[in-house]
Amino acid sequence: MRIASWNVNSVRQRTEHLVAWLKETSPDIVCLQELKCTEDTFPTAEIESLGYNIAVLGQKTFNGVALLSKYQLEDVTRGLPGDDQDEQARYIEALVSLPQGVVRIVSLYLPNGNPLGTEKYTYKIAWFDRLIARARHLLTLEEPLVLAGDYNVIPAPSDAKDPASWLNDALFIPQTRAKFQELLNLGFTDAFRACSDQKGVFTFWDYQAGAWPKNNGIRIDHLLLSPQAADKLVACEIDKHVRAWEKPSDHVPIRADITV
């Protein structure tokens, strides 16, 4: 089974890219982030024509997450539990039933948190705490579980071309990295790092300052696997070439293959 994640940075603007990539890599399950559209304007027909079932939590202009699956999506949870007042569309979860068993999938878009010292960073950490609480609960179900998405976290200096330039950024400061490690410490495996210790491999390149041609990127999109999923991990790849397409997202897809 191939499970992928991609911050498409406006799904309506990148529908052609999404369709081309789906045809190219044929993932079984896809977690999308930063849709920037509501459910009624999501390109449902184009995606369904490729054989995918769809679950969307949309938001006009900002945020938005979705799950695409070649299998039925069940037990769908829209919105991260823990704050009924949170209206930002950043979390969707579903159960996928297979003949061999089930896999639980989460598509998440963790807040950026910049600038530091503002309510935006306070929200990022509070959201992170809610995610950790939810993940702790989901682990008690003892199912293969994948937490996939744009975490807006650079886990280590090796995950940035120029780590010094991120020292005072919400994606890289010690408090942020500590929260990511707290999540991992629950028992999750970073799928990419489980397969590779290679440096200079990134998932995001800013549109500014020639970041892409200079490979001045960061790795902030992650697939975190529960023990039951990590035991089945075969490979994890980042589709860097997608960043070179015309009018691309500033993120590229990351995908993992697991046995089922």
Foldseek 3Di string as FASTA:
>chain_A
DKEKEEAFQACVVCVVVVLVVCVVPVGQKYKYKFNQPQPVPHPVVSLVVVQWDKDWHDDHRGMIMMMTHNADWAPKDFDQPDDPPDPHRFKIKTWGADPVGIEIEMEGDQQLQPPPPDVSVVRRVVVLVSVLVVLLVVVVVVHKYKYWYQSLAQQDPLQFPDVVVCCNGSRYDPVSNVSVVSSVVSAKDFLQVVADPDGLDAFFFDPPDPRVVVSGHGHRTTIIIHPVFVVFWDHKDWPSCQCVDPPGDRGTMIMTDGDD
